Amino acid sequence: MGKLISLGILFSLQNKSFNFIRLPSQGCFMNFSGKFFLLGTASLITCYAIGETQPQVQQTTVNEPSTVLLESAKLPEPIKRVEPKYPVNMARKGAEGWVQLNFVVGTDGSVNNIVVVDSTGMKGFEKAAVNALKNWEYSPAYVDGKPVEQCHNKVQLDFRIGGTNKGVRRKFKSDYKDVLEALSNNDLVLASQLSEEMQRKGLLNTREFALYALLRADLAKAQDDPVEELKYVKRIVRTDNNGDYLGAESYRVLLNRLFALQLQQSKYLDVLDTFQRIETQQNNDENIALLKPYVTKVLNLLKSEKIISIPGKVKKDGDWWHDLSRSTFSLNHVNGKLNSVELRCHNKRELYSATTDSVWHIPASWGRCSVRIVGESDSQFTLLEMPNQPEQS
């Protein structure tokens, strides 16, 4: 058996201080400053206003299977996609958000086994997204001329009103300032309490959610909790996937931060996906050249005999997801209670009991797989990806 490997963060991100400046034409800003780990731009916060535009639902990301392992396989193709209904009560108050879902396409092309992977936390949007997805239709996937389930599908649905120039509420700015002050004083207990209270009060639009996720990422960094930090950095990217809120330069820094955290936590397929996104950024050649050697190391590592160790932590809603880079894995160092292990692969979906004395071997014919661990909130564990072994004939 190979040695455990953990690649550390390969570069550090410089801390930056900044100020939000009052805009006299609107008179809705408070001056405050704070220490952040990521970015500073006055354009992040503008006066809260809802324009005359109609609420819209956008399908921003559909990750169809990227790998076909069998030449005889035919992937499902969309026939009918129904837009979610924007909840009337949420549109009236100017609420925005997004929902990321995982789902299975059945042998008849219908959608089933829908799971909310992540969201901005608004149950109304989650319900609307799930109800719409139930009505989507596909042509079924085929392997060797026979229809099969296609179980490795993701989609993100955005609920937005107007453009990206909406701001935040006065109360949000006031609460935000209080958390910043607690962070600057290194009072992490108070900062955690205040940030949890902000979430309980509710976040109204995507700009508030992006800023809140940034705040929680920085709090997690201060608490030396890289798993939590990665969760919130991913949420910023899902909220601002084009840099509309953060600005081009700050968005590049954010992607570097995401790359480093994924690398540190051995999320190697995610590292490769993030690098592809980094490559699309303009005027970024120097940064791309800096990261390429590490991408090469990741590719070599995936082919090696070394065991890959991935830290896991069950979210408050009870699950944890990971895209497997290898076909053999096990669970170890469990602190808490894990209930089940669900595999969602291109051509197969299976559910198992979560045990630390089991090793799962996935046949190559199943294709690329995601694993979903279900258990008690905040349970921690380590997932070990073993070197791939040749299948016996």
Protein backbone atom coordinates (compact mmCIF):
# COMPACT_ATOMS: atom_id res chain seq x y z
CA MET A 1 0.00 0.00 0.00
CA GLY A 2 1.31 3.44 -0.89
CA LYS A 3 2.19 6.31 1.39
CA LEU A 4 -0.29 8.95 2.43
CA ILE A 5 0.29 12.22 0.65
CA SER A 6 -0.86 15.73 1.44
CA LEU A 7 0.20 18.58 -0.79
CA GLY A 8 0.28 21.80 1.20
CA ILE A 9 -0.85 25.19 0.02
CA LEU A 10 1.61 26.14 -2.67
CA PHE A 11 1.32 29.86 -2.33
CA SER A 12 -0.09 32.35 0.13
CA LEU A 13 -2.54 35.15 -0.51
CA GLN A 14 -1.64 38.58 0.71
CA ASN A 15 -3.87 40.18 3.31
CA LYS A 16 -5.39 43.46 2.20
CA SER A 17 -7.04 46.31 4.09
CA PHE A 18 -9.70 48.49 2.54
CA ASN A 19 -12.42 51.02 3.17
CA PHE A 20 -15.96 51.27 1.93
CA ILE A 21 -16.63 54.89 1.03
CA ARG A 22 -19.85 56.87 1.45
CA LEU A 23 -21.57 57.77 -1.78
CA PRO A 24 -22.95 61.28 -1.19
CA SER A 25 -25.47 61.08 -4.03
CA GLN A 26 -27.37 58.32 -2.23
CA GLY A 27 -26.51 58.90 1.42
CA CYS A 28 -26.99 55.28 2.36
CA PHE A 29 -23.45 54.25 3.25
CA MET A 30 -21.59 54.07 6.50
CA ASN A 31 -17.83 54.45 6.47
CA PHE A 32 -16.00 51.46 7.87
CA SER A 33 -12.80 49.58 7.32
CA GLY A 34 -11.63 46.09 8.04
CA LYS A 35 -8.93 43.52 7.56
CA PHE A 36 -9.76 40.96 4.87
CA PHE A 37 -7.99 38.00 3.40
CA LEU A 38 -9.20 38.55 -0.12
CA LEU A 39 -10.27 41.80 -1.65
CA GLY A 40 -11.26 45.38 -1.32
CA THR A 41 -13.35 47.39 -3.70
CA ALA A 42 -15.84 50.14 -3.05
CA SER A 43 -17.99 48.85 -5.87
CA LEU A 44 -18.95 45.79 -3.78
CA ILE A 45 -21.57 47.69 -1.84
CA THR A 46 -24.03 50.09 -3.40
CA CYS A 47 -27.34 51.45 -2.13
CA TYR A 48 -30.09 48.88 -1.94
CA ALA A 49 -32.68 49.35 -4.65
CA ILE A 50 -35.02 47.16 -6.64
CA GLY A 51 -35.43 48.25 -10.23
CA GLU A 52 -38.38 47.87 -12.55
CA THR A 53 -37.01 44.73 -14.18
CA GLN A 54 -38.83 41.43 -13.84
CA PRO A 55 -37.42 38.58 -11.74
CA GLN A 56 -35.60 35.96 -13.77
CA VAL A 57 -34.49 32.41 -13.31
CA GLN A 58 -31.25 31.50 -15.05
CA GLN A 59 -29.68 28.11 -15.61
CA THR A 60 -26.03 29.06 -15.09
CA THR A 61 -24.31 25.71 -14.90
CA VAL A 62 -25.13 22.30 -16.28
CA ASN A 63 -22.36 19.78 -15.89
CA GLU A 64 -23.17 16.96 -18.24
CA PRO A 65 -20.92 13.91 -18.00
CA SER A 66 -17.46 14.88 -19.21
CA THR A 67 -16.10 11.37 -19.66
CA VAL A 68 -17.49 8.50 -21.70
CA LEU A 69 -15.66 5.35 -20.75
CA LEU A 70 -17.41 3.04 -23.17
CA GLU A 71 -17.39 3.63 -26.91
CA SER A 72 -20.89 2.14 -27.07
CA ALA A 73 -22.30 4.64 -24.53
CA LYS A 74 -24.79 7.30 -25.61
CA LEU A 75 -25.36 10.16 -23.15
CA PRO A 76 -28.82 11.56 -22.35
CA GLU A 77 -29.86 14.70 -24.19
CA PRO A 78 -32.31 17.31 -22.88
CA ILE A 79 -35.73 17.35 -24.52
CA LYS A 80 -37.69 19.58 -22.17
CA ARG A 81 -36.51 22.00 -19.49
CA VAL A 82 -39.06 23.85 -17.38
CA GLU A 83 -38.04 27.13 -15.74
CA PRO A 84 -38.76 27.34 -12.01
CA LYS A 85 -41.50 29.70 -10.92
CA TYR A 86 -40.07 32.68 -9.07
CA PRO A 87 -41.84 32.64 -5.66
CA VAL A 88 -44.13 35.68 -5.62
CA ASN A 89 -43.48 36.61 -2.00
CA MET A 90 -39.72 36.50 -2.57
CA ALA A 91 -39.91 38.56 -5.75
CA ARG A 92 -41.95 41.22 -3.93
CA LYS A 93 -39.30 41.74 -1.28
CA GLY A 94 -36.45 41.56 -3.80
CA ALA A 95 -35.02 38.25 -2.60
CA GLU A 96 -32.44 36.49 -4.77
CA GLY A 97 -30.47 33.27 -4.57
CA TRP A 98 -29.32 30.10 -6.27
CA VAL A 99 -29.77 26.36 -5.87
CA GLN A 100 -27.35 23.64 -6.97
CA LEU A 101 -28.88 20.21 -7.52
CA ASN A 102 -27.77 16.69 -8.30
CA PHE A 103 -30.18 14.37 -10.10
CA VAL A 104 -30.64 11.06 -11.91
CA VAL A 105 -31.98 10.62 -15.44
CA GLY A 106 -33.98 7.39 -15.53
CA THR A 107 -34.16 4.79 -18.27
CA ASP A 108 -37.32 6.50 -19.56
CA GLY A 109 -35.65 9.96 -19.62
CA SER A 110 -37.47 11.27 -16.54
CA VAL A 111 -35.66 13.05 -13.69
CA ASN A 112 -35.63 11.50 -10.22
CA ASN A 113 -33.61 11.26 -7.00
CA ILE A 114 -33.14 15.04 -6.85
CA VAL A 115 -30.86 16.27 -4.06
CA VAL A 116 -30.08 19.88 -3.14
CA VAL A 117 -26.28 19.93 -2.98
CA ASP A 118 -25.95 23.56 -1.89
CA SER A 119 -27.89 26.82 -1.98
CA THR A 120 -28.08 30.33 -0.61
CA GLY A 121 -30.30 28.89 2.09
CA MET A 122 -33.76 30.08 1.02
CA LYS A 123 -36.22 27.19 1.19
CA GLY A 124 -38.63 28.87 -1.24
CA PHE A 125 -36.01 28.82 -4.00
CA GLU A 126 -35.01 25.24 -3.17
CA LYS A 127 -38.64 24.08 -3.44
CA ALA A 128 -39.18 25.96 -6.73
CA ALA A 129 -35.98 24.52 -8.22
CA VAL A 130 -36.82 20.93 -7.22
CA ASN A 131 -40.40 21.21 -8.52
CA ALA A 132 -39.18 22.50 -11.89
CA LEU A 133 -36.48 19.84 -12.23
CA LYS A 134 -39.06 17.10 -11.68
CA ASN A 135 -40.64 18.17 -14.98
CA TRP A 136 -37.45 18.08 -17.06
CA GLU A 137 -37.21 15.36 -19.69
CA TYR A 138 -34.23 13.75 -21.42
CA SER A 139 -33.64 11.15 -24.05
CA PRO A 140 -32.28 8.22 -21.99
CA ALA A 141 -28.65 7.18 -21.89
CA TYR A 142 -27.72 3.95 -23.68
CA VAL A 143 -24.92 1.46 -23.15
CA ASP A 144 -24.54 -1.43 -25.59
CA GLY A 145 -27.89 -0.48 -27.09
CA LYS A 146 -29.77 -0.72 -23.79
CA PRO A 147 -31.22 2.25 -21.81
CA VAL A 148 -29.46 2.89 -18.48
CA GLU A 149 -29.77 5.38 -15.65
CA GLN A 150 -27.50 8.42 -15.87
CA CYS A 151 -26.66 9.35 -12.29
CA HIS A 152 -23.90 11.99 -12.53
CA ASN A 153 -25.79 15.20 -13.32
CA LYS A 154 -25.58 18.65 -11.75
CA VAL A 155 -27.33 21.93 -12.42
CA GLN A 156 -27.35 25.34 -10.77
CA LEU A 157 -30.45 27.52 -11.07
CA ASP A 158 -30.11 31.24 -10.30
CA PHE A 159 -33.00 33.38 -9.09
CA ARG A 160 -32.12 37.02 -9.79
CA ILE A 161 -33.88 40.34 -10.20
CA GLY A 162 -32.39 42.69 -12.76
CA GLY A 163 -28.64 43.10 -13.18
CA THR A 164 -25.73 43.01 -10.75
CA ASN A 165 -25.82 46.62 -9.51
CA LYS A 166 -28.02 46.03 -6.47
CA GLY A 167 -26.59 46.86 -3.10
CA VAL A 168 -27.19 45.82 0.48
CA ARG A 169 -29.49 47.00 3.25
CA ARG A 170 -28.42 49.38 6.01
CA LYS A 171 -28.89 46.72 8.66
CA PHE A 172 -26.70 44.31 6.73
CA LYS A 173 -23.91 46.93 6.55
CA SER A 174 -24.20 47.58 10.27
CA ASP A 175 -24.04 43.89 11.18
CA TYR A 176 -21.23 43.37 8.69
CA LYS A 177 -19.22 46.12 10.36
CA ASP A 178 -19.70 44.52 13.77
CA VAL A 179 -18.32 41.18 12.55
CA LEU A 180 -15.37 42.94 10.91
CA GLU A 181 -14.57 44.73 14.15
CA ALA A 182 -14.68 41.46 16.10
CA LEU A 183 -12.36 39.87 13.52
CA SER A 184 -9.93 42.79 13.63
CA ASN A 185 -9.86 42.42 17.44
CA ASN A 186 -9.26 38.67 17.04
CA ASP A 187 -12.42 37.97 19.04
CA LEU A 188 -13.34 34.88 17.06
CA VAL A 189 -16.07 33.73 19.45
CA LEU A 190 -17.92 37.05 19.09
CA ALA A 191 -17.32 37.13 15.32
CA SER A 192 -18.81 33.63 15.03
CA GLN A 193 -21.84 34.54 17.13
CA LEU A 194 -22.50 37.73 15.17
CA SER A 195 -22.11 36.02 11.78
CA GLU A 196 -24.54 33.26 12.81
CA GLU A 197 -27.00 35.94 13.86
CA MET A 198 -26.65 37.60 10.44
CA GLN A 199 -27.63 34.33 8.81
CA ARG A 200 -30.62 33.87 11.11
CA LYS A 201 -31.85 37.35 10.17
CA GLY A 202 -31.67 36.35 6.51
CA LEU A 203 -29.69 37.46 3.47
CA LEU A 204 -31.77 39.25 0.86
CA ASN A 205 -29.92 39.26 -2.46
CA THR A 206 -26.93 37.69 -4.14
CA ARG A 207 -24.65 40.63 -3.31
CA GLU A 208 -25.38 40.23 0.39
CA PHE A 209 -24.80 36.49 0.12
CA ALA A 210 -21.47 36.95 -1.70
CA LEU A 211 -20.23 39.39 0.96
CA TYR A 212 -21.50 37.19 3.78
CA ALA A 213 -19.77 34.12 2.29
CA LEU A 214 -16.55 36.14 2.04
CA LEU A 215 -16.92 37.12 5.69
CA ARG A 216 -17.44 33.50 6.74
CA ALA A 217 -14.49 32.34 4.64
CA ASP A 218 -12.23 34.84 6.39
CA LEU A 219 -13.59 33.83 9.79
CA ALA A 220 -12.90 30.17 8.98
CA LYS A 221 -9.35 31.09 7.94
CA ALA A 222 -8.83 32.90 11.23
CA GLN A 223 -10.18 29.81 13.04
CA ASP A 224 -7.76 27.60 11.10
CA ASP A 225 -10.66 25.62 9.60
CA PRO A 226 -9.75 25.07 5.93
CA VAL A 227 -12.73 22.75 5.28
CA GLU A 228 -15.17 25.48 6.31
CA GLU A 229 -13.14 28.10 4.45
CA LEU A 230 -13.32 26.09 1.23
CA LYS A 231 -17.09 25.69 1.61
CA TYR A 232 -17.62 29.44 1.71
CA VAL A 233 -15.08 30.30 -1.00
CA LYS A 234 -16.94 27.87 -3.29
CA ARG A 235 -20.18 29.65 -2.42
CA ILE A 236 -18.71 33.01 -3.41
CA VAL A 237 -17.72 31.59 -6.80
CA ARG A 238 -21.18 30.04 -7.26
CA THR A 239 -22.76 33.39 -6.45
CA ASP A 240 -20.41 35.55 -8.51
CA ASN A 241 -19.29 33.17 -11.23
CA ASN A 242 -18.19 35.94 -13.62
CA GLY A 243 -16.67 38.45 -11.21
CA ASP A 244 -19.61 40.83 -11.63
CA TYR A 245 -19.66 41.74 -7.94
CA LEU A 246 -16.00 41.40 -6.98
CA GLY A 247 -14.37 42.88 -10.05
CA ALA A 248 -11.93 41.17 -12.40
CA GLU A 249 -8.78 41.48 -10.27
CA SER A 250 -10.40 40.43 -7.01
CA TYR A 251 -12.12 37.56 -8.79
CA ARG A 252 -8.74 36.29 -10.01
CA VAL A 253 -7.45 36.38 -6.43
CA LEU A 254 -10.56 34.49 -5.33
CA LEU A 255 -9.95 31.73 -7.90
CA ASN A 256 -6.34 31.44 -6.70
CA ARG A 257 -7.62 31.07 -3.16
CA LEU A 258 -10.05 28.38 -4.30
CA PHE A 259 -7.24 26.58 -6.18
CA ALA A 260 -5.00 26.61 -3.08
CA LEU A 261 -7.70 25.33 -0.73
CA GLN A 262 -8.73 22.54 -3.11
CA LEU A 263 -5.10 21.56 -3.51
CA GLN A 264 -4.53 21.55 0.24
CA GLN A 265 -7.54 19.29 0.78
CA SER A 266 -6.70 16.91 -2.09
CA LYS A 267 -9.80 17.84 -4.13
CA TYR A 268 -7.81 17.18 -7.25
CA LEU A 269 -10.58 17.01 -9.86
CA ASP A 270 -11.85 20.32 -8.50
CA VAL A 271 -8.30 21.71 -8.79
CA LEU A 272 -8.27 20.83 -12.48
CA ASP A 273 -11.71 22.40 -13.01
CA THR A 274 -10.65 25.59 -11.20
CA PHE A 275 -7.49 25.81 -13.26
CA GLN A 276 -9.57 25.64 -16.44
CA ARG A 277 -11.57 28.58 -15.13
CA ILE A 278 -8.37 30.46 -14.28
CA GLU A 279 -7.13 29.90 -17.83
CA THR A 280 -10.15 31.78 -19.19
CA GLN A 281 -9.29 34.96 -17.28
CA GLN A 282 -7.84 37.76 -19.41
CA ASN A 283 -4.38 39.21 -18.73
CA ASN A 284 -3.58 36.27 -16.47
CA ASP A 285 -0.64 34.65 -18.27
CA GLU A 286 1.86 35.11 -15.42
CA ASN A 287 -0.48 33.53 -12.89
CA ILE A 288 -1.29 30.64 -15.23
CA ALA A 289 2.41 29.96 -15.72
CA LEU A 290 2.86 29.91 -11.93
CA LEU A 291 0.11 27.32 -11.41
CA LYS A 292 0.82 25.00 -14.35
CA PRO A 293 3.63 23.06 -12.61
CA TYR A 294 1.26 22.21 -9.76
CA VAL A 295 -1.39 21.03 -12.19
CA THR A 296 1.23 18.74 -13.70
CA LYS A 297 2.03 17.41 -10.21
CA VAL A 298 -1.65 16.72 -9.62
CA LEU A 299 -1.97 14.80 -12.89
CA ASN A 300 1.11 12.74 -12.04
CA LEU A 301 -0.16 12.09 -8.53
CA LEU A 302 -3.47 10.75 -9.80
CA LYS A 303 -1.53 8.18 -11.83
CA SER A 304 0.78 7.26 -8.96
CA GLU A 305 0.64 4.52 -6.30
CA LYS A 306 0.20 6.99 -3.47
CA ILE A 307 -2.94 7.12 -1.31
CA ILE A 308 -4.83 10.40 -1.47
CA SER A 309 -6.28 11.67 1.82
CA ILE A 310 -9.33 13.97 1.68
CA PRO A 311 -10.72 15.58 4.87
CA GLY A 312 -14.52 15.55 5.10
CA LYS A 313 -17.07 17.34 7.27
CA VAL A 314 -20.83 16.77 7.14
CA LYS A 315 -22.76 20.00 6.52
CA LYS A 316 -25.53 21.22 8.82
CA ASP A 317 -28.12 19.84 6.40
CA GLY A 318 -26.62 16.39 6.81
CA ASP A 319 -24.38 15.47 3.87
CA TRP A 320 -20.98 15.90 2.19
CA TRP A 321 -20.14 15.51 -1.51
CA HIS A 322 -16.91 14.62 -3.29
CA ASP A 323 -16.04 13.90 -6.93
CA LEU A 324 -13.90 10.77 -6.88
CA SER A 325 -10.68 10.83 -8.88
CA ARG A 326 -10.12 7.09 -8.39
CA SER A 327 -12.26 3.96 -8.36
CA THR A 328 -11.24 2.60 -4.93
CA PHE A 329 -11.82 4.36 -1.61
CA SER A 330 -12.47 3.86 2.10
CA LEU A 331 -13.45 5.91 5.16
CA ASN A 332 -11.17 6.46 8.14
CA HIS A 333 -10.74 8.56 11.30
CA VAL A 334 -14.46 9.12 11.81
CA ASN A 335 -15.33 11.62 14.55
CA GLY A 336 -19.12 11.66 14.83
CA LYS A 337 -21.76 9.49 13.19
CA LEU A 338 -21.96 8.59 9.50
CA ASN A 339 -25.07 6.83 8.21
CA SER A 340 -24.74 6.07 4.51
CA VAL A 341 -22.51 6.21 1.47
CA GLU A 342 -24.22 6.95 -1.85
CA LEU A 343 -22.41 6.56 -5.16
CA ARG A 344 -23.73 8.52 -8.14
CA CYS A 345 -21.87 7.46 -11.26
CA HIS A 346 -22.46 7.92 -14.96
CA ASN A 347 -24.23 4.58 -15.34
CA LYS A 348 -25.00 3.49 -11.80
CA ARG A 349 -26.36 4.63 -8.45
CA GLU A 350 -25.82 2.59 -5.29
CA LEU A 351 -26.45 3.13 -1.55
CA TYR A 352 -24.37 1.52 1.23
CA SER A 353 -24.02 1.70 5.00
CA ALA A 354 -21.15 3.90 6.12
CA THR A 355 -18.55 1.66 7.73
CA THR A 356 -14.88 2.23 8.42
CA ASP A 357 -13.96 -1.41 7.75
CA SER A 358 -15.13 -1.40 4.12
CA VAL A 359 -13.25 -0.65 0.91
CA TRP A 360 -15.36 0.30 -2.09
CA HIS A 361 -14.18 -0.84 -5.55
CA ILE A 362 -16.03 0.83 -8.43
CA PRO A 363 -16.11 -0.98 -11.80
CA ALA A 364 -14.78 1.04 -14.71
CA SER A 365 -18.08 0.50 -16.53
CA TRP A 366 -19.83 2.73 -13.97
CA GLY A 367 -17.93 5.78 -15.24
CA ARG A 368 -16.99 8.86 -13.25
CA CYS A 369 -18.54 8.95 -9.78
CA SER A 370 -19.50 11.35 -7.03
CA VAL A 371 -19.81 10.10 -3.47
CA ARG A 372 -22.33 11.49 -1.00
CA ILE A 373 -21.74 10.84 2.70
CA VAL A 374 -24.81 11.29 4.92
CA GLY A 375 -24.49 11.62 8.68
CA GLU A 376 -24.89 13.81 11.72
CA SER A 377 -24.08 17.50 11.31
CA ASP A 378 -20.39 18.44 11.79
CA SER A 379 -19.22 14.80 11.80
CA GLN A 380 -15.63 14.69 10.52
CA PHE A 381 -13.77 11.92 8.74
CA THR A 382 -11.08 11.15 6.18
CA LEU A 383 -11.82 9.64 2.78
CA LEU A 384 -8.89 7.68 1.37
CA GLU A 385 -8.61 7.21 -2.40
CA MET A 386 -6.52 4.14 -3.19
CA PRO A 387 -4.41 3.55 -6.29
CA ASN A 388 -6.46 2.11 -9.12
CA GLN A 389 -6.00 -1.60 -9.60
CA PRO A 390 -6.45 -3.34 -12.95
CA GLU A 391 -9.79 -5.13 -13.15
CA GLN A 392 -9.71 -8.89 -13.26
CA SER A 393 -11.00 -10.37 -16.48
